[in-house]
mmCIF file of all heavy atoms, coordinates in Angstrom:
data_MODEL
# 
_entry.id   MODEL 
# 
loop_
_atom_site.group_PDB 
_atom_site.id 
_atom_site.type_symbol 
_atom_site.label_atom_id 
_atom_site.label_alt_id 
_atom_site.label_comp_id 
_atom_site.label_asym_id 
_atom_site.label_entity_id 
_atom_site.label_seq_id 
_atom_site.pdbx_PDB_ins_code 
_atom_site.Cartn_x 
_atom_site.Cartn_y 
_atom_site.Cartn_z 
_atom_site.occupancy 
_atom_site.B_iso_or_equiv 
_atom_site.pdbx_formal_charge 
_atom_site.auth_seq_id 
_atom_site.auth_comp_id 
_atom_site.auth_asym_id 
_atom_site.auth_atom_id 
_atom_site.pdbx_PDB_model_num 
ATOM 1   N N   . PHE A 1 1  ? 82.706 119.818 97.899  1.00 0.00 ? 1  PHE A N   1 
ATOM 2   C CA  . PHE A 1 1  ? 82.894 118.843 98.977  1.00 0.00 ? 1  PHE A CA  1 
ATOM 3   C C   . PHE A 1 1  ? 84.152 118.000 98.737  1.00 0.00 ? 1  PHE A C   1 
ATOM 4   O O   . PHE A 1 1  ? 84.971 117.823 99.640  1.00 0.00 ? 1  PHE A O   1 
ATOM 5   C CB  . PHE A 1 1  ? 81.687 117.908 99.059  1.00 0.00 ? 1  PHE A CB  1 
ATOM 6   C CG  . PHE A 1 1  ? 80.475 118.522 99.704  1.00 0.00 ? 1  PHE A CG  1 
ATOM 7   C CD1 . PHE A 1 1  ? 79.219 118.000 99.452  1.00 0.00 ? 1  PHE A CD1 1 
ATOM 8   C CD2 . PHE A 1 1  ? 80.573 119.591 100.571 1.00 0.00 ? 1  PHE A CD2 1 
ATOM 9   C CE1 . PHE A 1 1  ? 78.085 118.544 100.042 1.00 0.00 ? 1  PHE A CE1 1 
ATOM 10  C CE2 . PHE A 1 1  ? 79.455 120.143 101.167 1.00 0.00 ? 1  PHE A CE2 1 
ATOM 11  C CZ  . PHE A 1 1  ? 78.208 119.621 100.898 1.00 0.00 ? 1  PHE A CZ  1 
ATOM 12  N N   . GLU A 1 2  ? 84.286 117.473 97.538  1.00 0.00 ? 2  GLU A N   1 
ATOM 13  C CA  . GLU A 1 2  ? 85.370 116.536 97.263  1.00 0.00 ? 2  GLU A CA  1 
ATOM 14  C C   . GLU A 1 2  ? 86.728 117.231 97.197  1.00 0.00 ? 2  GLU A C   1 
ATOM 15  O O   . GLU A 1 2  ? 87.724 116.695 97.700  1.00 0.00 ? 2  GLU A O   1 
ATOM 16  C CB  . GLU A 1 2  ? 85.080 115.778 95.971  1.00 0.00 ? 2  GLU A CB  1 
ATOM 17  C CG  . GLU A 1 2  ? 83.865 114.858 96.112  1.00 0.00 ? 2  GLU A CG  1 
ATOM 18  C CD  . GLU A 1 2  ? 83.431 114.189 94.827  1.00 0.00 ? 2  GLU A CD  1 
ATOM 19  O OE1 . GLU A 1 2  ? 84.032 114.478 93.763  1.00 0.00 ? 2  GLU A OE1 1 
ATOM 20  O OE2 . GLU A 1 2  ? 82.502 113.383 94.868  1.00 0.00 ? 2  GLU A OE2 1 
ATOM 21  N N   . ARG A 1 3  ? 86.758 118.417 96.613  1.00 0.00 ? 3  ARG A N   1 
ATOM 22  C CA  . ARG A 1 3  ? 88.022 119.150 96.558  1.00 0.00 ? 3  ARG A CA  1 
ATOM 23  C C   . ARG A 1 3  ? 88.389 119.707 97.928  1.00 0.00 ? 3  ARG A C   1 
ATOM 24  O O   . ARG A 1 3  ? 89.541 119.649 98.354  1.00 0.00 ? 3  ARG A O   1 
ATOM 25  C CB  . ARG A 1 3  ? 87.939 120.281 95.528  1.00 0.00 ? 3  ARG A CB  1 
ATOM 26  C CG  . ARG A 1 3  ? 87.792 119.798 94.105  1.00 0.00 ? 3  ARG A CG  1 
ATOM 27  C CD  . ARG A 1 3  ? 87.671 120.943 93.118  1.00 0.00 ? 3  ARG A CD  1 
ATOM 28  N NE  . ARG A 1 3  ? 88.877 121.745 93.073  1.00 0.00 ? 3  ARG A NE  1 
ATOM 29  C CZ  . ARG A 1 3  ? 89.086 122.721 92.185  1.00 0.00 ? 3  ARG A CZ  1 
ATOM 30  N NH1 . ARG A 1 3  ? 88.134 123.030 91.315  1.00 0.00 ? 3  ARG A NH1 1 
ATOM 31  N NH2 . ARG A 1 3  ? 90.203 123.394 92.179  1.00 0.00 ? 3  ARG A NH2 1 
ATOM 32  N N   . GLY A 1 4  ? 87.401 120.270 98.617  1.00 0.00 ? 4  GLY A N   1 
ATOM 33  C CA  . GLY A 1 4  ? 87.677 120.869 99.921  1.00 0.00 ? 4  GLY A CA  1 
ATOM 34  C C   . GLY A 1 4  ? 88.063 119.860 100.985 1.00 0.00 ? 4  GLY A C   1 
ATOM 35  O O   . GLY A 1 4  ? 88.724 120.210 101.959 1.00 0.00 ? 4  GLY A O   1 
ATOM 36  N N   . ASN A 1 5  ? 87.651 118.604 100.792 1.00 0.00 ? 5  ASN A N   1 
ATOM 37  C CA  . ASN A 1 5  ? 87.964 117.550 101.768 1.00 0.00 ? 5  ASN A CA  1 
ATOM 38  C C   . ASN A 1 5  ? 89.020 116.583 101.250 1.00 0.00 ? 5  ASN A C   1 
ATOM 39  O O   . ASN A 1 5  ? 89.117 115.451 101.738 1.00 0.00 ? 5  ASN A O   1 
ATOM 40  C CB  . ASN A 1 5  ? 86.691 116.769 102.113 1.00 0.00 ? 5  ASN A CB  1 
ATOM 41  C CG  . ASN A 1 5  ? 85.750 117.560 102.998 1.00 0.00 ? 5  ASN A CG  1 
ATOM 42  O OD1 . ASN A 1 5  ? 85.982 117.739 104.186 1.00 0.00 ? 5  ASN A OD1 1 
ATOM 43  N ND2 . ASN A 1 5  ? 84.665 118.057 102.413 1.00 0.00 ? 5  ASN A ND2 1 
ATOM 44  N N   . ALA A 1 6  ? 89.802 117.024 100.276 1.00 0.00 ? 6  ALA A N   1 
ATOM 45  C CA  . ALA A 1 6  ? 90.780 116.133 99.637  1.00 0.00 ? 6  ALA A CA  1 
ATOM 46  C C   . ALA A 1 6  ? 91.679 115.438 100.657 1.00 0.00 ? 6  ALA A C   1 
ATOM 47  O O   . ALA A 1 6  ? 91.832 114.205 100.637 1.00 0.00 ? 6  ALA A O   1 
ATOM 48  C CB  . ALA A 1 6  ? 91.620 116.919 98.632  1.00 0.00 ? 6  ALA A CB  1 
ATOM 49  N N   . GLU A 1 7  ? 92.284 116.200 101.552 1.00 0.00 ? 7  GLU A N   1 
ATOM 50  C CA  . GLU A 1 7  ? 93.223 115.605 102.511 1.00 0.00 ? 7  GLU A CA  1 
ATOM 51  C C   . GLU A 1 7  ? 92.500 114.659 103.473 1.00 0.00 ? 7  GLU A C   1 
ATOM 52  O O   . GLU A 1 7  ? 93.033 113.588 103.804 1.00 0.00 ? 7  GLU A O   1 
ATOM 53  C CB  . GLU A 1 7  ? 93.958 116.702 103.277 1.00 0.00 ? 7  GLU A CB  1 
ATOM 54  C CG  . GLU A 1 7  ? 94.908 117.514 102.395 1.00 0.00 ? 7  GLU A CG  1 
ATOM 55  C CD  . GLU A 1 7  ? 95.772 118.469 103.195 1.00 0.00 ? 7  GLU A CD  1 
ATOM 56  O OE1 . GLU A 1 7  ? 95.682 118.454 104.445 1.00 0.00 ? 7  GLU A OE1 1 
ATOM 57  O OE2 . GLU A 1 7  ? 96.531 119.224 102.577 1.00 0.00 ? 7  GLU A OE2 1 
ATOM 58  N N   . ARG A 1 8  ? 91.312 115.051 103.917 1.00 0.00 ? 8  ARG A N   1 
ATOM 59  C CA  . ARG A 1 8  ? 90.550 114.179 104.820 1.00 0.00 ? 8  ARG A CA  1 
ATOM 60  C C   . ARG A 1 8  ? 90.134 112.889 104.128 1.00 0.00 ? 8  ARG A C   1 
ATOM 61  O O   . ARG A 1 8  ? 90.184 111.806 104.719 1.00 0.00 ? 8  ARG A O   1 
ATOM 62  C CB  . ARG A 1 8  ? 89.320 114.915 105.337 1.00 0.00 ? 8  ARG A CB  1 
ATOM 63  C CG  . ARG A 1 8  ? 89.606 115.991 106.360 1.00 0.00 ? 8  ARG A CG  1 
ATOM 64  C CD  . ARG A 1 8  ? 88.322 116.557 106.910 1.00 0.00 ? 8  ARG A CD  1 
ATOM 65  N NE  . ARG A 1 8  ? 87.526 115.525 107.560 1.00 0.00 ? 8  ARG A NE  1 
ATOM 66  C CZ  . ARG A 1 8  ? 86.204 115.555 107.682 1.00 0.00 ? 8  ARG A CZ  1 
ATOM 67  N NH1 . ARG A 1 8  ? 85.518 116.568 107.158 1.00 0.00 ? 8  ARG A NH1 1 
ATOM 68  N NH2 . ARG A 1 8  ? 85.561 114.594 108.300 1.00 0.00 ? 8  ARG A NH2 1 
ATOM 69  N N   . ILE A 1 9  ? 89.684 113.006 102.877 1.00 0.00 ? 9  ILE A N   1 
ATOM 70  C CA  . ILE A 1 9  ? 89.273 111.813 102.140 1.00 0.00 ? 9  ILE A CA  1 
ATOM 71  C C   . ILE A 1 9  ? 90.454 110.862 101.979 1.00 0.00 ? 9  ILE A C   1 
ATOM 72  O O   . ILE A 1 9  ? 90.347 109.662 102.239 1.00 0.00 ? 9  ILE A O   1 
ATOM 73  C CB  . ILE A 1 9  ? 88.699 112.199 100.758 1.00 0.00 ? 9  ILE A CB  1 
ATOM 74  C CG1 . ILE A 1 9  ? 87.343 112.892 100.926 1.00 0.00 ? 9  ILE A CG1 1 
ATOM 75  C CG2 . ILE A 1 9  ? 88.550 110.963 99.867  1.00 0.00 ? 9  ILE A CG2 1 
ATOM 76  C CD1 . ILE A 1 9  ? 86.785 113.475 99.640  1.00 0.00 ? 9  ILE A CD1 1 
ATOM 77  N N   . ILE A 1 10 ? 91.589 111.417 101.562 1.00 0.00 ? 10 ILE A N   1 
ATOM 78  C CA  . ILE A 1 10 ? 92.791 110.594 101.383 1.00 0.00 ? 10 ILE A CA  1 
ATOM 79  C C   . ILE A 1 10 ? 93.180 109.918 102.703 1.00 0.00 ? 10 ILE A C   1 
ATOM 80  O O   . ILE A 1 10 ? 93.572 108.752 102.736 1.00 0.00 ? 10 ILE A O   1 
ATOM 81  C CB  . ILE A 1 10 ? 93.956 111.457 100.858 1.00 0.00 ? 10 ILE A CB  1 
ATOM 82  C CG1 . ILE A 1 10 ? 93.687 111.870 99.410  1.00 0.00 ? 10 ILE A CG1 1 
ATOM 83  C CG2 . ILE A 1 10 ? 95.290 110.708 100.958 1.00 0.00 ? 10 ILE A CG2 1 
ATOM 84  C CD1 . ILE A 1 10 ? 94.681 112.875 98.852  1.00 0.00 ? 10 ILE A CD1 1 
ATOM 85  N N   . GLY A 1 11 ? 93.039 110.659 103.792 1.00 0.00 ? 11 GLY A N   1 
ATOM 86  C CA  . GLY A 1 11 ? 93.429 110.128 105.090 1.00 0.00 ? 11 GLY A CA  1 
ATOM 87  C C   . GLY A 1 11 ? 92.489 109.089 105.658 1.00 0.00 ? 11 GLY A C   1 
ATOM 88  O O   . GLY A 1 11 ? 92.885 108.305 106.538 1.00 0.00 ? 11 GLY A O   1 
ATOM 89  N N   . THR A 1 12 ? 91.241 109.061 105.181 1.00 0.00 ? 12 THR A N   1 
ATOM 90  C CA  . THR A 1 12 ? 90.256 108.135 105.754 1.00 0.00 ? 12 THR A CA  1 
ATOM 91  C C   . THR A 1 12 ? 89.970 106.916 104.878 1.00 0.00 ? 12 THR A C   1 
ATOM 92  O O   . THR A 1 12 ? 89.363 105.956 105.354 1.00 0.00 ? 12 THR A O   1 
ATOM 93  C CB  . THR A 1 12 ? 88.922 108.856 106.032 1.00 0.00 ? 12 THR A CB  1 
ATOM 94  O OG1 . THR A 1 12 ? 88.465 109.500 104.832 1.00 0.00 ? 12 THR A OG1 1 
ATOM 95  C CG2 . THR A 1 12 ? 89.095 109.912 107.111 1.00 0.00 ? 12 THR A CG2 1 
ATOM 96  N N   . LEU A 1 13 ? 90.380 106.952 103.612 1.00 0.00 ? 13 LEU A N   1 
ATOM 97  C CA  . LEU A 1 13 ? 90.130 105.802 102.737 1.00 0.00 ? 13 LEU A CA  1 
ATOM 98  C C   . LEU A 1 13 ? 91.043 104.640 103.136 1.00 0.00 ? 13 LEU A C   1 
ATOM 99  O O   . LEU A 1 13 ? 92.263 104.769 103.161 1.00 0.00 ? 13 LEU A O   1 
ATOM 100 C CB  . LEU A 1 13 ? 90.386 106.173 101.271 1.00 0.00 ? 13 LEU A CB  1 
ATOM 101 C CG  . LEU A 1 13 ? 89.340 107.074 100.607 1.00 0.00 ? 13 LEU A CG  1 
ATOM 102 C CD1 . LEU A 1 13 ? 89.823 107.528 99.238  1.00 0.00 ? 13 LEU A CD1 1 
ATOM 103 C CD2 . LEU A 1 13 ? 88.004 106.348 100.482 1.00 0.00 ? 13 LEU A CD2 1 
ATOM 104 N N   . SER A 1 14 ? 90.449 103.517 103.448 1.00 0.00 ? 14 SER A N   1 
ATOM 105 C CA  . SER A 1 14 ? 91.213 102.326 103.834 1.00 0.00 ? 14 SER A CA  1 
ATOM 106 C C   . SER A 1 14 ? 91.648 101.565 102.585 1.00 0.00 ? 14 SER A C   1 
ATOM 107 O O   . SER A 1 14 ? 91.136 101.816 101.484 1.00 0.00 ? 14 SER A O   1 
ATOM 108 C CB  . SER A 1 14 ? 90.334 101.420 104.702 1.00 0.00 ? 14 SER A CB  1 
ATOM 109 O OG  . SER A 1 14 ? 89.265 100.885 103.917 1.00 0.00 ? 14 SER A OG  1 
ATOM 110 N N   . PRO A 1 15 ? 92.577 100.616 102.719 1.00 0.00 ? 15 PRO A N   1 
ATOM 111 C CA  . PRO A 1 15 ? 92.946 99.777  101.569 1.00 0.00 ? 15 PRO A CA  1 
ATOM 112 C C   . PRO A 1 15 ? 91.739 99.076  100.951 1.00 0.00 ? 15 PRO A C   1 
ATOM 113 O O   . PRO A 1 15 ? 91.660 98.930  99.722  1.00 0.00 ? 15 PRO A O   1 
ATOM 114 C CB  . PRO A 1 15 ? 93.933 98.770  102.176 1.00 0.00 ? 15 PRO A CB  1 
ATOM 115 C CG  . PRO A 1 15 ? 94.553 99.513  103.323 1.00 0.00 ? 15 PRO A CG  1 
ATOM 116 C CD  . PRO A 1 15 ? 93.438 100.344 103.892 1.00 0.00 ? 15 PRO A CD  1 
ATOM 117 N N   . ARG A 1 16 ? 90.789 98.673  101.785 1.00 0.00 ? 16 ARG A N   1 
ATOM 118 C CA  . ARG A 1 16 ? 89.582 98.016  101.256 1.00 0.00 ? 16 ARG A CA  1 
ATOM 119 C C   . ARG A 1 16 ? 88.764 98.986  100.415 1.00 0.00 ? 16 ARG A C   1 
ATOM 120 O O   . ARG A 1 16 ? 88.247 98.625  99.357  1.00 0.00 ? 16 ARG A O   1 
ATOM 121 C CB  . ARG A 1 16 ? 88.739 97.481  102.416 1.00 0.00 ? 16 ARG A CB  1 
ATOM 122 C CG  . ARG A 1 16 ? 87.447 96.803  101.966 1.00 0.00 ? 16 ARG A CG  1 
ATOM 123 C CD  . ARG A 1 16 ? 86.664 96.290  103.176 1.00 0.00 ? 16 ARG A CD  1 
ATOM 124 N NE  . ARG A 1 16 ? 86.309 97.362  104.082 1.00 0.00 ? 16 ARG A NE  1 
ATOM 125 C CZ  . ARG A 1 16 ? 85.256 98.168  103.908 1.00 0.00 ? 16 ARG A CZ  1 
ATOM 126 N NH1 . ARG A 1 16 ? 84.473 98.014  102.851 1.00 0.00 ? 16 ARG A NH1 1 
ATOM 127 N NH2 . ARG A 1 16 ? 84.986 99.118  104.788 1.00 0.00 ? 16 ARG A NH2 1 
ATOM 128 N N   . HIS A 1 17 ? 88.637 100.228 100.897 1.00 0.00 ? 17 HIS A N   1 
ATOM 129 C CA  . HIS A 1 17 ? 87.922 101.239 100.128 1.00 0.00 ? 17 HIS A CA  1 
ATOM 130 C C   . HIS A 1 17 ? 88.598 101.462 98.773  1.00 0.00 ? 17 HIS A C   1 
ATOM 131 O O   . HIS A 1 17 ? 87.931 101.557 97.738  1.00 0.00 ? 17 HIS A O   1 
ATOM 132 C CB  . HIS A 1 17 ? 87.881 102.572 100.894 1.00 0.00 ? 17 HIS A CB  1 
ATOM 133 C CG  . HIS A 1 17 ? 86.871 102.602 101.994 1.00 0.00 ? 17 HIS A CG  1 
ATOM 134 N ND1 . HIS A 1 17 ? 87.216 102.771 103.305 1.00 0.00 ? 17 HIS A ND1 1 
ATOM 135 C CD2 . HIS A 1 17 ? 85.514 102.510 101.973 1.00 0.00 ? 17 HIS A CD2 1 
ATOM 136 C CE1 . HIS A 1 17 ? 86.126 102.776 104.057 1.00 0.00 ? 17 HIS A CE1 1 
ATOM 137 N NE2 . HIS A 1 17 ? 85.088 102.618 103.270 1.00 0.00 ? 17 HIS A NE2 1 
ATOM 138 N N   . LEU A 1 18 ? 89.911 101.578 98.802  1.00 0.00 ? 18 LEU A N   1 
ATOM 139 C CA  . LEU A 1 18 ? 90.648 101.844 97.571  1.00 0.00 ? 18 LEU A CA  1 
ATOM 140 C C   . LEU A 1 18 ? 90.486 100.704 96.565  1.00 0.00 ? 18 LEU A C   1 
ATOM 141 O O   . LEU A 1 18 ? 90.326 100.943 95.359  1.00 0.00 ? 18 LEU A O   1 
ATOM 142 C CB  . LEU A 1 18 ? 92.129 102.073 97.887  1.00 0.00 ? 18 LEU A CB  1 
ATOM 143 C CG  . LEU A 1 18 ? 92.443 103.368 98.649  1.00 0.00 ? 18 LEU A CG  1 
ATOM 144 C CD1 . LEU A 1 18 ? 93.885 103.371 99.139  1.00 0.00 ? 18 LEU A CD1 1 
ATOM 145 C CD2 . LEU A 1 18 ? 92.174 104.588 97.774  1.00 0.00 ? 18 LEU A CD2 1 
ATOM 146 N N   . GLU A 1 19 ? 90.518 99.484  97.054  1.00 0.00 ? 19 GLU A N   1 
ATOM 147 C CA  . GLU A 1 19 ? 90.324 98.334  96.163  1.00 0.00 ? 19 GLU A CA  1 
ATOM 148 C C   . GLU A 1 19 ? 88.936 98.352  95.543  1.00 0.00 ? 19 GLU A C   1 
ATOM 149 O O   . GLU A 1 19 ? 88.765 98.068  94.343  1.00 0.00 ? 19 GLU A O   1 
ATOM 150 C CB  . GLU A 1 19 ? 90.534 97.029  96.936  1.00 0.00 ? 19 GLU A CB  1 
ATOM 151 C CG  . GLU A 1 19 ? 91.985 96.765  97.317  1.00 0.00 ? 19 GLU A CG  1 
ATOM 152 C CD  . GLU A 1 19 ? 92.129 95.526  98.185  1.00 0.00 ? 19 GLU A CD  1 
ATOM 153 O OE1 . GLU A 1 19 ? 91.118 94.789  98.334  1.00 0.00 ? 19 GLU A OE1 1 
ATOM 154 O OE2 . GLU A 1 19 ? 93.232 95.296  98.704  1.00 0.00 ? 19 GLU A OE2 1 
ATOM 155 N N   . THR A 1 20 ? 87.943 98.698  96.342  1.00 0.00 ? 20 THR A N   1 
ATOM 156 C CA  . THR A 1 20 ? 86.577 98.763  95.821  1.00 0.00 ? 20 THR A CA  1 
ATOM 157 C C   . THR A 1 20 ? 86.439 99.881  94.791  1.00 0.00 ? 20 THR A C   1 
ATOM 158 O O   . THR A 1 20 ? 85.792 99.715  93.753  1.00 0.00 ? 20 THR A O   1 
ATOM 159 C CB  . THR A 1 20 ? 85.568 98.991  96.965  1.00 0.00 ? 20 THR A CB  1 
ATOM 160 O OG1 . THR A 1 20 ? 85.724 97.964  97.942  1.00 0.00 ? 20 THR A OG1 1 
ATOM 161 C CG2 . THR A 1 20 ? 84.138 98.974  96.437  1.00 0.00 ? 20 THR A CG2 1 
ATOM 162 N N   . LEU A 1 21 ? 87.073 101.023 95.055  1.00 0.00 ? 21 LEU A N   1 
ATOM 163 C CA  . LEU A 1 21 ? 87.039 102.131 94.108  1.00 0.00 ? 21 LEU A CA  1 
ATOM 164 C C   . LEU A 1 21 ? 87.703 101.743 92.788  1.00 0.00 ? 21 LEU A C   1 
ATOM 165 O O   . LEU A 1 21 ? 87.199 102.074 91.706  1.00 0.00 ? 21 LEU A O   1 
ATOM 166 C CB  . LEU A 1 21 ? 87.731 103.365 94.699  1.00 0.00 ? 21 LEU A CB  1 
ATOM 167 C CG  . LEU A 1 21 ? 86.998 104.058 95.859  1.00 0.00 ? 21 LEU A CG  1 
ATOM 168 C CD1 . LEU A 1 21 ? 87.896 105.110 96.511  1.00 0.00 ? 21 LEU A CD1 1 
ATOM 169 C CD2 . LEU A 1 21 ? 85.706 104.706 95.373  1.00 0.00 ? 21 LEU A CD2 1 
ATOM 170 N N   . GLU A 1 22 ? 88.813 101.033 92.870  1.00 0.00 ? 22 GLU A N   1 
ATOM 171 C CA  . GLU A 1 22 ? 89.478 100.569 91.650  1.00 0.00 ? 22 GLU A CA  1 
ATOM 172 C C   . GLU A 1 22 ? 88.583 99.615  90.868  1.00 0.00 ? 22 GLU A C   1 
ATOM 173 O O   . GLU A 1 22 ? 88.535 99.649  89.628  1.00 0.00 ? 22 GLU A O   1 
ATOM 174 C CB  . GLU A 1 22 ? 90.798 99.877  92.005  1.00 0.00 ? 22 GLU A CB  1 
ATOM 175 C CG  . GLU A 1 22 ? 91.889 100.857 92.435  1.00 0.00 ? 22 GLU A CG  1 
ATOM 176 C CD  . GLU A 1 22 ? 93.125 100.157 92.969  1.00 0.00 ? 22 GLU A CD  1 
ATOM 177 O OE1 . GLU A 1 22 ? 93.030 98.955  93.333  1.00 0.00 ? 22 GLU A OE1 1 
ATOM 178 O OE2 . GLU A 1 22 ? 94.183 100.806 93.015  1.00 0.00 ? 22 GLU A OE2 1 
ATOM 179 N N   . GLY A 1 23 ? 87.860 98.771  91.588  1.00 0.00 ? 23 GLY A N   1 
ATOM 180 C CA  . GLY A 1 23 ? 86.931 97.856  90.930  1.00 0.00 ? 23 GLY A CA  1 
ATOM 181 C C   . GLY A 1 23 ? 85.808 98.594  90.224  1.00 0.00 ? 23 GLY A C   1 
ATOM 182 O O   . GLY A 1 23 ? 85.362 98.202  89.138  1.00 0.00 ? 23 GLY A O   1 
ATOM 183 N N   . LEU A 1 24 ? 85.347 99.688  90.816  1.00 0.00 ? 24 LEU A N   1 
ATOM 184 C CA  . LEU A 1 24 ? 84.276 100.481 90.202  1.00 0.00 ? 24 LEU A CA  1 
ATOM 185 C C   . LEU A 1 24 ? 84.779 101.198 88.951  1.00 0.00 ? 24 LEU A C   1 
ATOM 186 O O   . LEU A 1 24 ? 84.039 101.340 87.970  1.00 0.00 ? 24 LEU A O   1 
ATOM 187 C CB  . LEU A 1 24 ? 83.720 101.486 91.212  1.00 0.00 ? 24 LEU A CB  1 
ATOM 188 C CG  . LEU A 1 24 ? 82.902 100.868 92.351  1.00 0.00 ? 24 LEU A CG  1 
ATOM 189 C CD1 . LEU A 1 24 ? 82.641 101.897 93.453  1.00 0.00 ? 24 LEU A CD1 1 
ATOM 190 C CD2 . LEU A 1 24 ? 81.569 100.327 91.817  1.00 0.00 ? 24 LEU A CD2 1 
ATOM 191 N N   . VAL A 1 25 ? 86.026 101.643 88.973  1.00 0.00 ? 25 VAL A N   1 
ATOM 192 C CA  . VAL A 1 25 ? 86.603 102.258 87.774  1.00 0.00 ? 25 VAL A CA  1 
ATOM 193 C C   . VAL A 1 25 ? 86.683 101.220 86.652  1.00 0.00 ? 25 VAL A C   1 
ATOM 194 O O   . VAL A 1 25 ? 86.338 101.509 85.497  1.00 0.00 ? 25 VAL A O   1 
ATOM 195 C CB  . VAL A 1 25 ? 88.006 102.833 88.068  1.00 0.00 ? 25 VAL A CB  1 
ATOM 196 C CG1 . VAL A 1 25 ? 88.656 103.332 86.777  1.00 0.00 ? 25 VAL A CG1 1 
ATOM 197 C CG2 . VAL A 1 25 ? 87.923 103.968 89.074  1.00 0.00 ? 25 VAL A CG2 1 
ATOM 198 N N   . ALA A 1 26 ? 87.108 100.015 86.997  1.00 0.00 ? 26 ALA A N   1 
ATOM 199 C CA  . ALA A 1 26 ? 87.168 98.948  85.996  1.00 0.00 ? 26 ALA A CA  1 
ATOM 200 C C   . ALA A 1 26 ? 85.780 98.628  85.448  1.00 0.00 ? 26 ALA A C   1 
ATOM 201 O O   . ALA A 1 26 ? 85.610 98.363  84.254  1.00 0.00 ? 26 ALA A O   1 
ATOM 202 C CB  . ALA A 1 26 ? 87.797 97.693  86.617  1.00 0.00 ? 26 ALA A CB  1 
# 
């Protein structure tokens, strides 16, 4: 799912999503 939808995922993640993901990595 994640590899096959790489371009779609990248295209749909908002700046807010990305910030939250970075927080989860931390």
